Amino acid sequence: MNFLLGIPFLISEADFGATNIWTGVALGIIQIGCAYIFLNAA
């Protein structure tokens, strides 16, 4: 849901520099993905 909601806003962004990309990936994999896997197990 959040991915689909964010698509229109994401394609309108002007800055696709390395910092925004790597922080976005880290937020997805570590801060949300891994966090929810550990929380589910807990």
PDB file of all heavy atoms in Angstrom:
ATOM      1  N   MET A   1       0.822  -1.206   0.000  1.00  0.00           N
ATOM      2  CA  MET A   1       0.000   0.000   0.000  1.00  0.00           C
ATOM      3  C   MET A   1       0.860   1.262   0.000  1.00  0.00           C
ATOM      4  O   MET A   1       0.629   2.193  -0.773  1.00  0.00           O
ATOM      5  CB  MET A   1      -0.930   0.001   1.229  1.00  0.00           C
ATOM      6  CG  MET A   1      -2.058  -1.014   1.150  1.00  0.00           C
ATOM      7  SD  MET A   1      -2.814  -1.363   2.781  1.00  0.00           S
ATOM      8  CE  MET A   1      -3.291   0.271   3.295  1.00  0.00           C
ATOM      9  N   ASN A   2       1.863   1.285   0.881  1.00  0.00           N
ATOM     10  CA  ASN A   2       2.723   2.473   0.967  1.00  0.00           C
ATOM     11  C   ASN A   2       3.571   2.652  -0.284  1.00  0.00           C
ATOM     12  O   ASN A   2       3.845   3.785  -0.701  1.00  0.00           O
ATOM     13  CB  ASN A   2       3.607   2.386   2.208  1.00  0.00           C
ATOM     14  CG  ASN A   2       2.845   2.680   3.482  1.00  0.00           C
ATOM     15  OD1 ASN A   2       1.686   3.090   3.443  1.00  0.00           O
ATOM     16  ND2 ASN A   2       3.477   2.460   4.617  1.00  0.00           N
ATOM     17  N   PHE A   3       3.982   1.537  -0.872  1.00  0.00           N
ATOM     18  CA  PHE A   3       4.749   1.620  -2.124  1.00  0.00           C
ATOM     19  C   PHE A   3       3.905   2.231  -3.237  1.00  0.00           C
ATOM     20  O   PHE A   3       4.338   3.172  -3.921  1.00  0.00           O
ATOM     21  CB  PHE A   3       5.232   0.228  -2.538  1.00  0.00           C
ATOM     22  CG  PHE A   3       5.790   0.161  -3.932  1.00  0.00           C
ATOM     23  CD1 PHE A   3       6.883   0.941  -4.307  1.00  0.00           C
ATOM     24  CD2 PHE A   3       5.221  -0.678  -4.889  1.00  0.00           C
ATOM     25  CE1 PHE A   3       7.393   0.882  -5.607  1.00  0.00           C
ATOM     26  CE2 PHE A   3       5.710  -0.740  -6.168  1.00  0.00           C
ATOM     27  CZ  PHE A   3       6.803   0.043  -6.538  1.00  0.00           C
ATOM     28  N   LEU A   4       2.682   1.727  -3.415  1.00  0.00           N
ATOM     29  CA  LEU A   4       1.803   2.244  -4.469  1.00  0.00           C
ATOM     30  C   LEU A   4       1.429   3.697  -4.211  1.00  0.00           C
ATOM     31  O   LEU A   4       1.379   4.517  -5.146  1.00  0.00           O
ATOM     32  CB  LEU A   4       0.539   1.383  -4.546  1.00  0.00           C
ATOM     33  CG  LEU A   4       0.747  -0.062  -5.022  1.00  0.00           C
ATOM     34  CD1 LEU A   4      -0.553  -0.853  -4.925  1.00  0.00           C
ATOM     35  CD2 LEU A   4       1.274  -0.082  -6.460  1.00  0.00           C
ATOM     36  N   LEU A   5       1.199   4.040  -2.948  1.00  0.00           N
ATOM     37  CA  LEU A   5       0.856   5.419  -2.600  1.00  0.00           C
ATOM     38  C   LEU A   5       2.014   6.374  -2.881  1.00  0.00           C
ATOM     39  O   LEU A   5       1.801   7.533  -3.273  1.00  0.00           O
ATOM     40  CB  LEU A   5       0.476   5.488  -1.113  1.00  0.00           C
ATOM     41  CG  LEU A   5       0.041   6.854  -0.565  1.00  0.00           C
ATOM     42  CD1 LEU A   5      -1.227   7.337  -1.271  1.00  0.00           C
ATOM     43  CD2 LEU A   5      -0.183   6.776   0.944  1.00  0.00           C
ATOM     44  N   GLY A   6       3.232   5.884  -2.712  1.00  0.00           N
ATOM     45  CA  GLY A   6       4.391   6.757  -2.862  1.00  0.00           C
ATOM     46  C   GLY A   6       4.882   6.937  -4.283  1.00  0.00           C
ATOM     47  O   GLY A   6       5.631   7.890  -4.561  1.00  0.00           O
ATOM     48  N   ILE A   7       4.476   6.057  -5.216  1.00  0.00           N
ATOM     49  CA  ILE A   7       4.982   6.121  -6.590  1.00  0.00           C
ATOM     50  C   ILE A   7       4.789   7.494  -7.239  1.00  0.00           C
ATOM     51  O   ILE A   7       5.754   8.067  -7.784  1.00  0.00           O
ATOM     52  CB  ILE A   7       4.348   5.014  -7.465  1.00  0.00           C
ATOM     53  CG1 ILE A   7       4.893   3.643  -7.056  1.00  0.00           C
ATOM     54  CG2 ILE A   7       4.646   5.262  -8.953  1.00  0.00           C
ATOM     55  CD1 ILE A   7       4.248   2.483  -7.799  1.00  0.00           C
ATOM     56  N   PRO A   8       3.588   8.092  -7.229  1.00  0.00           N
ATOM     57  CA  PRO A   8       3.415   9.404  -7.886  1.00  0.00           C
ATOM     58  C   PRO A   8       4.314  10.488  -7.307  1.00  0.00           C
ATOM     59  O   PRO A   8       4.782  11.373  -8.041  1.00  0.00           O
ATOM     60  CB  PRO A   8       1.931   9.721  -7.627  1.00  0.00           C
ATOM     61  CG  PRO A   8       1.292   8.421  -7.345  1.00  0.00           C
ATOM     62  CD  PRO A   8       2.332   7.597  -6.640  1.00  0.00           C
ATOM     63  N   PHE A   9       4.566  10.426  -6.004  1.00  0.00           N
ATOM     64  CA  PHE A   9       5.405  11.430  -5.363  1.00  0.00           C
ATOM     65  C   PHE A   9       6.884  11.168  -5.654  1.00  0.00           C
ATOM     66  O   PHE A   9       7.668  12.106  -5.834  1.00  0.00           O
ATOM     67  CB  PHE A   9       5.156  11.430  -3.847  1.00  0.00           C
ATOM     68  CG  PHE A   9       3.751  11.775  -3.477  1.00  0.00           C
ATOM     69  CD1 PHE A   9       2.792  10.778  -3.349  1.00  0.00           C
ATOM     70  CD2 PHE A   9       3.366  13.098  -3.276  1.00  0.00           C
ATOM     71  CE1 PHE A   9       1.479  11.089  -3.014  1.00  0.00           C
ATOM     72  CE2 PHE A   9       2.059  13.421  -2.953  1.00  0.00           C
ATOM     73  CZ  PHE A   9       1.118  12.417  -2.820  1.00  0.00           C
ATOM     74  N   LEU A  10       7.243   9.889  -5.721  1.00  0.00           N
ATOM     75  CA  LEU A  10       8.635   9.528  -5.969  1.00  0.00           C
ATOM     76  C   LEU A  10       9.082   9.950  -7.368  1.00  0.00           C
ATOM     77  O   LEU A  10      10.193  10.474  -7.540  1.00  0.00           O
ATOM     78  CB  LEU A  10       8.819   8.016  -5.785  1.00  0.00           C
ATOM     79  CG  LEU A  10      10.244   7.470  -5.880  1.00  0.00           C
ATOM     80  CD1 LEU A  10      11.124   8.089  -4.810  1.00  0.00           C
ATOM     81  CD2 LEU A  10      10.225   5.951  -5.740  1.00  0.00           C
ATOM     82  N   ILE A  11       8.244   9.744  -8.379  1.00  0.00           N
ATOM     83  CA  ILE A  11       8.652  10.078  -9.750  1.00  0.00           C
ATOM     84  C   ILE A  11       8.740  11.592  -9.980  1.00  0.00           C
ATOM     85  O   ILE A  11       9.328  12.030 -10.968  1.00  0.00           O
ATOM     86  CB  ILE A  11       7.693   9.442 -10.791  1.00  0.00           C
ATOM     87  CG1 ILE A  11       6.271   9.955 -10.601  1.00  0.00           C
ATOM     88  CG2 ILE A  11       7.750   7.925 -10.709  1.00  0.00           C
ATOM     89  CD1 ILE A  11       5.291   9.395 -11.623  1.00  0.00           C
ATOM     90  N   SER A  12       8.191  12.357  -9.044  1.00  0.00           N
ATOM     91  CA  SER A  12       8.271  13.818  -9.178  1.00  0.00           C
ATOM     92  C   SER A  12       9.478  14.400  -8.457  1.00  0.00           C
ATOM     93  O   SER A  12       9.731  15.607  -8.518  1.00  0.00           O
ATOM     94  CB  SER A  12       6.990  14.468  -8.630  1.00  0.00           C
ATOM     95  OG  SER A  12       6.873  14.261  -7.235  1.00  0.00           O
ATOM     96  N   GLU A  13      10.236  13.544  -7.770  1.00  0.00           N
ATOM     97  CA  GLU A  13      11.427  14.024  -7.065  1.00  0.00           C
ATOM     98  C   GLU A  13      12.522  14.423  -8.055  1.00  0.00           C
ATOM     99  O   GLU A  13      12.656  13.822  -9.115  1.00  0.00           O
ATOM    100  CB  GLU A  13      11.966  12.938  -6.119  1.00  0.00           C
ATOM    101  CG  GLU A  13      11.051  12.605  -4.957  1.00  0.00           C
ATOM    102  CD  GLU A  13      10.989  13.694  -3.904  1.00  0.00           C
ATOM    103  OE1 GLU A  13      11.815  14.626  -3.946  1.00  0.00           O
ATOM    104  OE2 GLU A  13      10.099  13.604  -3.021  1.00  0.00           O
ATOM    105  N   ALA A  14      13.306  15.422  -7.667  1.00  0.00           N
ATOM    106  CA  ALA A  14      14.369  15.913  -8.544  1.00  0.00           C
ATOM    107  C   ALA A  14      15.740  15.344  -8.186  1.00  0.00           C
ATOM    108  O   ALA A  14      16.608  15.213  -9.050  1.00  0.00           O
ATOM    109  CB  ALA A  14      14.419  17.445  -8.483  1.00  0.00           C
ATOM    110  N   ASP A  15      15.930  14.995  -6.922  1.00  0.00           N
ATOM    111  CA  ASP A  15      17.243  14.557  -6.466  1.00  0.00           C
ATOM    112  C   ASP A  15      17.283  13.044  -6.288  1.00  0.00           C
ATOM    113  O   ASP A  15      16.750  12.504  -5.307  1.00  0.00           O
ATOM    114  CB  ASP A  15      17.588  15.247  -5.137  1.00  0.00           C
ATOM    115  CG  ASP A  15      18.974  14.883  -4.628  1.00  0.00           C
ATOM    116  OD1 ASP A  15      19.705  14.155  -5.340  1.00  0.00           O
ATOM    117  OD2 ASP A  15      19.341  15.334  -3.524  1.00  0.00           O
ATOM    118  N   PHE A  16      17.915  12.363  -7.233  1.00  0.00           N
ATOM    119  CA  PHE A  16      18.109  10.919  -7.126  1.00  0.00           C
ATOM    120  C   PHE A  16      19.592  10.602  -6.917  1.00  0.00           C
ATOM    121  O   PHE A  16      20.138   9.667  -7.487  1.00  0.00           O
ATOM    122  CB  PHE A  16      17.569  10.208  -8.372  1.00  0.00           C
ATOM    123  CG  PHE A  16      16.076  10.089  -8.390  1.00  0.00           C
ATOM    124  CD1 PHE A  16      15.298  11.083  -8.959  1.00  0.00           C
ATOM    125  CD2 PHE A  16      15.444   9.001  -7.804  1.00  0.00           C
ATOM    126  CE1 PHE A  16      13.915  10.988  -8.969  1.00  0.00           C
ATOM    127  CE2 PHE A  16      14.067   8.898  -7.804  1.00  0.00           C
ATOM    128  CZ  PHE A  16      13.297   9.898  -8.386  1.00  0.00           C
ATOM    129  N   GLY A  17      20.217  11.434  -6.073  1.00  0.00           N
ATOM    130  CA  GLY A  17      21.622  11.241  -5.758  1.00  0.00           C
ATOM    131  C   GLY A  17      21.855  10.016  -4.899  1.00  0.00           C
ATOM    132  O   GLY A  17      20.921   9.404  -4.380  1.00  0.00           O
ATOM    133  N   ALA A  18      23.127   9.686  -4.730  1.00  0.00           N
ATOM    134  CA  ALA A  18      23.501   8.463  -4.016  1.00  0.00           C
ATOM    135  C   ALA A  18      22.988   8.443  -2.584  1.00  0.00           C
ATOM    136  O   ALA A  18      22.549   7.395  -2.088  1.00  0.00           O
ATOM    137  CB  ALA A  18      25.022   8.317  -4.032  1.00  0.00           C
ATOM    138  N   THR A  19      23.023   9.598  -1.917  1.00  0.00           N
ATOM    139  CA  THR A  19      22.606   9.636  -0.512  1.00  0.00           C
ATOM    140  C   THR A  19      21.143   9.261  -0.347  1.00  0.00           C
ATOM    141  O   THR A  19      20.786   8.444   0.517  1.00  0.00           O
ATOM    142  CB  THR A  19      22.839  11.040   0.083  1.00  0.00           C
ATOM    143  OG1 THR A  19      24.245  11.338   0.048  1.00  0.00           O
ATOM    144  CG2 THR A  19      22.367  11.091   1.531  1.00  0.00           C
ATOM    145  N   ASN A  20      20.273   9.833  -1.175  1.00  0.00           N
ATOM    146  CA  ASN A  20      18.850   9.511  -1.078  1.00  0.00           C
ATOM    147  C   ASN A  20      18.577   8.054  -1.434  1.00  0.00           C
ATOM    148  O   ASN A  20      17.710   7.411  -0.838  1.00  0.00           O
ATOM    149  CB  ASN A  20      18.035  10.427  -1.998  1.00  0.00           C
ATOM    150  CG  ASN A  20      17.842  11.807  -1.404  1.00  0.00           C
ATOM    151  OD1 ASN A  20      18.025  12.007  -0.208  1.00  0.00           O
ATOM    152  ND2 ASN A  20      17.468  12.763  -2.226  1.00  0.00           N
ATOM    153  N   ILE A  21      19.332   7.528  -2.405  1.00  0.00           N
ATOM    154  CA  ILE A  21      19.126   6.136  -2.815  1.00  0.00           C
ATOM    155  C   ILE A  21      19.545   5.167  -1.715  1.00  0.00           C
ATOM    156  O   ILE A  21      18.768   4.285  -1.316  1.00  0.00           O
ATOM    157  CB  ILE A  21      19.902   5.820  -4.115  1.00  0.00           C
ATOM    158  CG1 ILE A  21      19.379   6.653  -5.296  1.00  0.00           C
ATOM    159  CG2 ILE A  21      19.821   4.320  -4.420  1.00  0.00           C
ATOM    160  CD1 ILE A  21      17.941   6.336  -5.674  1.00  0.00           C
ATOM    161  N   TRP A  22      20.771   5.338  -1.199  1.00  0.00           N
ATOM    162  CA  TRP A  22      21.251   4.358  -0.230  1.00  0.00           C
ATOM    163  C   TRP A  22      20.500   4.451   1.098  1.00  0.00           C
ATOM    164  O   TRP A  22      20.248   3.420   1.743  1.00  0.00           O
ATOM    165  CB  TRP A  22      22.758   4.434  -0.021  1.00  0.00           C
ATOM    166  CG  TRP A  22      23.303   5.522   0.864  1.00  0.00           C
ATOM    167  CD1 TRP A  22      23.902   6.686   0.480  1.00  0.00           C
ATOM    168  CD2 TRP A  22      23.343   5.518   2.304  1.00  0.00           C
ATOM    169  NE1 TRP A  22      24.280   7.422   1.572  1.00  0.00           N
ATOM    170  CE2 TRP A  22      23.964   6.727   2.698  1.00  0.00           C
ATOM    171  CE3 TRP A  22      22.912   4.630   3.282  1.00  0.00           C
ATOM    172  CZ2 TRP A  22      24.166   7.075   4.037  1.00  0.00           C
ATOM    173  CZ3 TRP A  22      23.095   4.976   4.629  1.00  0.00           C
ATOM    174  CH2 TRP A  22      23.718   6.163   4.990  1.00  0.00           C
ATOM    175  N   THR A  23      20.127   5.663   1.504  1.00  0.00           N
ATOM    176  CA  THR A  23      19.341   5.764   2.739  1.00  0.00           C
ATOM    177  C   THR A  23      17.954   5.157   2.553  1.00  0.00           C
ATOM    178  O   THR A  23      17.418   4.508   3.469  1.00  0.00           O
ATOM    179  CB  THR A  23      19.204   7.222   3.202  1.00  0.00           C
ATOM    180  OG1 THR A  23      18.702   8.042   2.128  1.00  0.00           O
ATOM    181  CG2 THR A  23      20.544   7.773   3.670  1.00  0.00           C
ATOM    182  N   GLY A  24      17.365   5.334   1.370  1.00  0.00           N
ATOM    183  CA  GLY A  24      16.059   4.735   1.090  1.00  0.00           C
ATOM    184  C   GLY A  24      16.107   3.217   1.110  1.00  0.00           C
ATOM    185  O   GLY A  24      15.212   2.557   1.656  1.00  0.00           O
ATOM    186  N   VAL A  25      17.169   2.656   0.520  1.00  0.00           N
ATOM    187  CA  VAL A  25      17.341   1.196   0.508  1.00  0.00           C
ATOM    188  C   VAL A  25      17.560   0.678   1.931  1.00  0.00           C
ATOM    189  O   VAL A  25      16.972  -0.337   2.336  1.00  0.00           O
ATOM    190  CB  VAL A  25      18.523   0.797  -0.397  1.00  0.00           C
ATOM    191  CG1 VAL A  25      18.813  -0.697  -0.263  1.00  0.00           C
ATOM    192  CG2 VAL A  25      18.219   1.145  -1.850  1.00  0.00           C
ATOM    193  N   ALA A  26      18.402   1.379   2.696  1.00  0.00           N
ATOM    194  CA  ALA A  26      18.676   0.964   4.077  1.00  0.00           C
ATOM    195  C   ALA A  26      17.412   1.031   4.931  1.00  0.00           C
ATOM    196  O   ALA A  26      17.169   0.150   5.761  1.00  0.00           O
ATOM    197  CB  ALA A  26      19.761   1.854   4.680  1.00  0.00           C
ATOM    198  N   LEU A  27      16.609   2.060   4.715  1.00  0.00           N
ATOM    199  CA  LEU A  27      15.346   2.176   5.442  1.00  0.00           C
ATOM    200  C   LEU A  27      14.432   0.983   5.136  1.00  0.00           C
ATOM    201  O   LEU A  27      13.765   0.458   6.030  1.00  0.00           O
ATOM    202  CB  LEU A  27      14.641   3.487   5.073  1.00  0.00           C
ATOM    203  CG  LEU A  27      15.175   4.758   5.729  1.00  0.00           C
ATOM    204  CD1 LEU A  27      14.678   5.995   5.000  1.00  0.00           C
ATOM    205  CD2 LEU A  27      14.766   4.819   7.204  1.00  0.00           C
ATOM    206  N   GLY A  28      14.416   0.571   3.893  1.00  0.00           N
ATOM    207  CA  GLY A  28      13.556  -0.548   3.508  1.00  0.00           C
ATOM    208  C   GLY A  28      14.043  -1.885   4.013  1.00  0.00           C
ATOM    209  O   GLY A  28      13.265  -2.672   4.568  1.00  0.00           O
ATOM    210  N   ILE A  29      15.335  -2.151   3.836  1.00  0.00           N
ATOM    211  CA  ILE A  29      15.871  -3.471   4.186  1.00  0.00           C
ATOM    212  C   ILE A  29      16.085  -3.633   5.686  1.00  0.00           C
ATOM    213  O   ILE A  29      15.679  -4.647   6.273  1.00  0.00           O
ATOM    214  CB  ILE A  29      17.197  -3.718   3.429  1.00  0.00           C
ATOM    215  CG1 ILE A  29      16.928  -3.806   1.923  1.00  0.00           C
ATOM    216  CG2 ILE A  29      17.870  -4.991   3.941  1.00  0.00           C
ATOM    217  CD1 ILE A  29      18.179  -3.955   1.087  1.00  0.00           C
ATOM    218  N   ILE A  30      16.704  -2.625   6.301  1.00  0.00           N
ATOM    219  CA  ILE A  30      17.074  -2.744   7.718  1.00  0.00           C
ATOM    220  C   ILE A  30      15.988  -2.192   8.636  1.00  0.00           C
ATOM    221  O   ILE A  30      15.454  -2.902   9.490  1.00  0.00           O
ATOM    222  CB  ILE A  30      18.410  -2.020   8.000  1.00  0.00           C
ATOM    223  CG1 ILE A  30      19.531  -2.640   7.164  1.00  0.00           C
ATOM    224  CG2 ILE A  30      18.752  -2.085   9.498  1.00  0.00           C
ATOM    225  CD1 ILE A  30      20.842  -1.888   7.226  1.00  0.00           C
ATOM    226  N   GLN A  31      15.642  -0.889   8.442  1.00  0.00           N
ATOM    227  CA  GLN A  31      14.769  -0.221   9.399  1.00  0.00           C
ATOM    228  C   GLN A  31      13.343  -0.746   9.384  1.00  0.00           C
ATOM    229  O   GLN A  31      12.644  -0.675  10.401  1.00  0.00           O
ATOM    230  CB  GLN A  31      14.777   1.292   9.121  1.00  0.00           C
ATOM    231  CG  GLN A  31      14.211   2.130  10.252  1.00  0.00           C
ATOM    232  CD  GLN A  31      12.837   2.688   9.940  1.00  0.00           C
ATOM    233  OE1 GLN A  31      12.429   2.783   8.785  1.00  0.00           O
ATOM    234  NE2 GLN A  31      12.120   3.073  10.995  1.00  0.00           N
ATOM    235  N   ILE A  32      12.894  -1.283   8.254  1.00  0.00           N
ATOM    236  CA  ILE A  32      11.539  -1.823   8.183  1.00  0.00           C
ATOM    237  C   ILE A  32      11.553  -3.341   7.973  1.00  0.00           C
ATOM    238  O   ILE A  32      10.984  -4.097   8.766  1.00  0.00           O
ATOM    239  CB  ILE A  32      10.733  -1.145   7.052  1.00  0.00           C
ATOM    240  CG1 ILE A  32      10.523   0.335   7.367  1.00  0.00           C
ATOM    241  CG2 ILE A  32       9.383  -1.832   6.896  1.00  0.00           C
ATOM    242  CD1 ILE A  32       9.658   0.594   8.574  1.00  0.00           C
ATOM    243  N   GLY A  33      12.206  -3.812   6.918  1.00  0.00           N
ATOM    244  CA  GLY A  33      12.179  -5.237   6.585  1.00  0.00           C
ATOM    245  C   GLY A  33      12.695  -6.129   7.703  1.00  0.00           C
ATOM    246  O   GLY A  33      11.974  -6.987   8.228  1.00  0.00           O
ATOM    247  N   CYS A  34      13.955  -5.932   8.088  1.00  0.00           N
ATOM    248  CA  CYS A  34      14.547  -6.766   9.146  1.00  0.00           C
ATOM    249  C   CYS A  34      13.870  -6.527  10.489  1.00  0.00           C
ATOM    250  O   CYS A  34      13.678  -7.468  11.270  1.00  0.00           O
ATOM    251  CB  CYS A  34      16.043  -6.473   9.250  1.00  0.00           C
ATOM    252  SG  CYS A  34      17.007  -7.068   7.844  1.00  0.00           S
ATOM    253  N   ALA A  35      13.490  -5.270  10.750  1.00  0.00           N
ATOM    254  CA  ALA A  35      12.834  -4.951  12.025  1.00  0.00           C
ATOM    255  C   ALA A  35      11.543  -5.738  12.189  1.00  0.00           C
ATOM    256  O   ALA A  35      11.255  -6.278  13.269  1.00  0.00           O
ATOM    257  CB  ALA A  35      12.559  -3.456  12.114  1.00  0.00           C
ATOM    258  N   TYR A  36      10.760  -5.831  11.130  1.00  0.00           N
ATOM    259  CA  TYR A  36       9.488  -6.551  11.211  1.00  0.00           C
ATOM    260  C   TYR A  36       9.682  -8.062  11.290  1.00  0.00           C
ATOM    261  O   TYR A  36       8.893  -8.771  11.924  1.00  0.00           O
ATOM    262  CB  TYR A  36       8.593  -6.185  10.025  1.00  0.00           C
ATOM    263  CG  TYR A  36       7.730  -4.985  10.306  1.00  0.00           C
ATOM    264  CD1 TYR A  36       8.220  -3.699  10.148  1.00  0.00           C
ATOM    265  CD2 TYR A  36       6.430  -5.146  10.764  1.00  0.00           C
ATOM    266  CE1 TYR A  36       7.441  -2.594  10.422  1.00  0.00           C
ATOM    267  CE2 TYR A  36       5.636  -4.045  11.042  1.00  0.00           C
ATOM    268  CZ  TYR A  36       6.145  -2.766  10.870  1.00  0.00           C
ATOM    269  OH  TYR A  36       5.378  -1.671  11.158  1.00  0.00           O
ATOM    270  N   ILE A  37      10.729  -8.563  10.666  1.00  0.00           N
ATOM    271  CA  ILE A  37      11.024  -9.998  10.771  1.00  0.00           C
ATOM    272  C   ILE A  37      11.368 -10.341  12.218  1.00  0.00           C
ATOM    273  O   ILE A  37      10.875 -11.319  12.786  1.00  0.00           O
ATOM    274  CB  ILE A  37      12.171 -10.379   9.824  1.00  0.00           C
ATOM    275  CG1 ILE A  37      11.688 -10.333   8.367  1.00  0.00           C
ATOM    276  CG2 ILE A  37      12.712 -11.779  10.166  1.00  0.00           C
ATOM    277  CD1 ILE A  37      12.781 -10.522   7.342  1.00  0.00           C
ATOM    278  N   PHE A  38      12.227  -9.520  12.840  1.00  0.00           N
ATOM    279  CA  PHE A  38      12.589  -9.757  14.238  1.00  0.00           C
ATOM    280  C   PHE A  38      11.383  -9.558  15.168  1.00  0.00           C
ATOM    281  O   PHE A  38      11.188 -10.321  16.112  1.00  0.00           O
ATOM    282  CB  PHE A  38      13.725  -8.824  14.661  1.00  0.00           C
ATOM    283  CG  PHE A  38      15.062  -9.176  14.071  1.00  0.00           C
ATOM    284  CD1 PHE A  38      15.859  -8.196  13.479  1.00  0.00           C
ATOM    285  CD2 PHE A  38      15.544 -10.472  14.110  1.00  0.00           C
ATOM    286  CE1 PHE A  38      17.091  -8.510  12.933  1.00  0.00           C
ATOM    287  CE2 PHE A  38      16.787 -10.803  13.567  1.00  0.00           C
ATOM    288  CZ  PHE A  38      17.556  -9.813  12.986  1.00  0.00           C
ATOM    289  N   LEU A  39      10.566  -8.524  14.894  1.00  0.00           N
ATOM    290  CA  LEU A  39       9.402  -8.265  15.736  1.00  0.00           C
ATOM    291  C   LEU A  39       8.396  -9.406  15.645  1.00  0.00           C
ATOM    292  O   LEU A  39       7.809  -9.820  16.658  1.00  0.00           O
ATOM    293  CB  LEU A  39       8.736  -6.947  15.328  1.00  0.00           C
ATOM    294  CG  LEU A  39       7.500  -6.535  16.143  1.00  0.00           C
ATOM    295  CD1 LEU A  39       7.855  -6.373  17.616  1.00  0.00           C
ATOM    296  CD2 LEU A  39       6.910  -5.238  15.590  1.00  0.00           C
ATOM    297  N   ASN A  40       8.202  -9.923  14.446  1.00  0.00           N
ATOM    298  CA  ASN A  40       7.298 -11.057  14.263  1.00  0.00           C
ATOM    299  C   ASN A  40       7.764 -12.254  15.090  1.00  0.00           C
ATOM    300  O   ASN A  40       6.964 -12.906  15.776  1.00  0.00           O
ATOM    301  CB  ASN A  40       7.238 -11.436  12.778  1.00  0.00           C
ATOM    302  CG  ASN A  40       6.351 -12.638  12.523  1.00  0.00           C
ATOM    303  OD1 ASN A  40       5.189 -12.674  12.891  1.00  0.00           O
ATOM    304  ND2 ASN A  40       6.915 -13.664  11.888  1.00  0.00           N
ATOM    305  N   ALA A  41       9.057 -12.535  15.052  1.00  0.00           N
ATOM    306  CA  ALA A  41       9.608 -13.649  15.821  1.00  0.00           C
ATOM    307  C   ALA A  41       9.467 -13.387  17.323  1.00  0.00           C
ATOM    308  O   ALA A  41       9.154 -14.301  18.100  1.00  0.00           O
ATOM    309  CB  ALA A  41      11.072 -13.860  15.459  1.00  0.00           C
ATOM    310  N   ALA A  42       9.676 -12.139  17.735  1.00  0.00           N
ATOM    311  CA  ALA A  42       9.589 -11.792  19.157  1.00  0.00           C
ATOM    312  C   ALA A  42       8.179 -11.975  19.696  1.00  0.00           C
ATOM    313  O   ALA A  42       7.980 -12.507  20.794  1.00  0.00           O
ATOM    314  CB  ALA A  42      10.035 -10.342  19.359  1.00  0.00           C
TER     315      ALA A  42
END
